[in-house]
Amino acid sequence: MSVLLELTMFPTDKGESVSKYVSEVIKVIKDSGYPYVLTPMGTIIEFNNFEEATNLLNKCYKALEPYSNRIYAVCKFDIRKGKSNRFKQKIESVRKYIKNVQSI
């Protein structure tokens, strides 16, 4: 099974720039050992099952909780049985149709 999670999480009461707080979330993700890709609009992480994803999601929230009374989060899941290493597979599937497509 492959569970892809795209996550955006930050406090809403810290002004215009929240990269300091986003960095706290990224530290949790990085320390988890799961493969991830940081993008300008969120972070994509791959897990073996849904429980791993929700556990890490909770840890990310807990990392921000002390800093803010209001935390914004957007989570998108793509869950597929019988697959793994889908970061590369999904991009390669598109490249079959469009050569030289840019990706992060």
Protein backbone atom coordinates (compact mmCIF):
# COMPACT_ATOMS: atom_id res chain seq x y z
CA MET A 1 0.00 0.00 0.00
CA SER A 2 1.10 3.56 -0.65
CA VAL A 3 -0.37 6.57 1.12
CA LEU A 4 0.64 9.93 -0.28
CA LEU A 5 -0.11 12.90 1.96
CA GLU A 6 0.22 16.48 0.80
CA LEU A 7 0.36 18.67 3.89
CA THR A 8 0.30 22.41 4.47
CA MET A 9 0.29 23.52 8.11
CA PHE A 10 1.06 26.85 9.77
CA PRO A 11 -0.17 29.24 12.48
CA THR A 12 -2.48 32.02 11.31
CA ASP A 13 -1.60 34.54 14.01
CA LYS A 14 2.12 35.08 13.34
CA GLY A 15 2.10 37.71 10.61
CA GLU A 16 2.90 37.66 6.94
CA SER A 17 5.87 35.27 7.01
CA VAL A 18 5.45 31.91 8.72
CA SER A 19 8.52 30.07 7.40
CA LYS A 20 9.94 29.83 10.93
CA TYR A 21 6.89 27.77 11.94
CA VAL A 22 6.72 25.79 8.71
CA SER A 23 10.32 24.81 9.46
CA GLU A 24 9.17 23.27 12.74
CA VAL A 25 6.76 21.05 10.81
CA ILE A 26 9.42 20.12 8.26
CA LYS A 27 11.79 19.10 11.08
CA VAL A 28 9.17 16.63 12.34
CA ILE A 29 8.69 15.26 8.82
CA LYS A 30 12.43 15.02 8.17
CA ASP A 31 13.08 13.29 11.51
CA SER A 32 10.32 10.75 10.79
CA GLY A 33 12.42 9.05 8.12
CA TYR A 34 9.58 8.88 5.60
CA PRO A 35 10.38 10.01 2.06
CA TYR A 36 9.17 13.55 1.44
CA VAL A 37 9.36 16.39 -1.06
CA LEU A 38 9.09 20.01 0.02
CA THR A 39 7.28 22.22 -2.50
CA PRO A 40 6.48 25.94 -2.41
CA MET A 41 2.87 25.21 -1.43
CA GLY A 42 3.18 22.16 0.83
CA THR A 43 5.06 18.97 1.55
CA ILE A 44 4.32 15.55 0.07
CA ILE A 45 5.14 12.50 2.19
CA GLU A 46 4.79 8.79 1.33
CA PHE A 47 3.73 6.20 3.91
CA ASN A 48 3.05 2.46 3.94
CA ASN A 49 -0.39 2.84 5.54
CA PHE A 50 -2.95 5.40 6.66
CA GLU A 51 -2.14 5.03 10.37
CA GLU A 52 1.47 6.12 9.79
CA ALA A 53 0.18 9.19 7.96
CA THR A 54 -2.25 10.22 10.69
CA ASN A 55 0.35 9.63 13.40
CA LEU A 56 2.81 11.96 11.67
CA LEU A 57 0.05 14.49 11.04
CA ASN A 58 -0.64 14.55 14.78
CA LYS A 59 3.08 15.02 15.56
CA CYS A 60 3.22 17.96 13.15
CA TYR A 61 0.25 19.58 14.86
CA LYS A 62 1.79 19.01 18.30
CA ALA A 63 4.99 20.73 17.12
CA LEU A 64 3.02 23.91 16.30
CA GLU A 65 0.49 23.83 19.13
CA PRO A 66 2.68 25.68 21.67
CA TYR A 67 3.21 28.60 19.27
CA SER A 68 -0.35 29.48 18.34
CA ASN A 69 -4.01 29.55 19.28
CA ARG A 70 -4.99 28.98 15.65
CA ILE A 71 -3.37 26.56 13.21
CA TYR A 72 -4.37 26.19 9.57
CA ALA A 73 -3.93 22.80 7.89
CA VAL A 74 -4.75 21.37 4.49
CA CYS A 75 -4.30 17.63 3.98
CA LYS A 76 -4.79 15.69 0.75
CA PHE A 77 -4.48 11.91 0.64
CA ASP A 78 -3.98 9.54 -2.28
CA ILE A 79 -4.27 5.97 -1.00
CA ARG A 80 -3.52 3.05 -3.31
CA LYS A 81 -3.23 -0.64 -2.51
CA GLY A 82 -0.52 -2.75 -4.07
CA LYS A 83 1.85 0.11 -4.90
CA SER A 84 4.95 1.73 -3.41
CA ASN A 85 7.50 4.39 -4.39
CA ARG A 86 4.79 6.42 -6.09
CA PHE A 87 6.70 9.71 -6.10
CA LYS A 88 8.57 8.59 -9.19
CA GLN A 89 5.82 6.42 -10.66
CA LYS A 90 3.22 9.19 -10.82
CA ILE A 91 5.59 11.62 -12.54
CA GLU A 92 6.84 8.99 -14.98
CA SER A 93 3.24 8.15 -15.90
CA VAL A 94 2.71 11.74 -17.04
CA ARG A 95 6.06 11.84 -18.83
CA LYS A 96 4.86 9.04 -21.10
CA TYR A 97 2.52 11.58 -22.64
CA ILE A 98 4.48 14.82 -22.21
CA LYS A 99 8.24 14.66 -22.66
CA ASN A 100 10.47 16.98 -20.61
CA VAL A 101 7.76 17.94 -18.14
CA GLN A 102 9.21 19.89 -15.21
CA SER A 103 8.88 18.52 -11.69
CA ILE A 104 10.37 19.23 -8.31
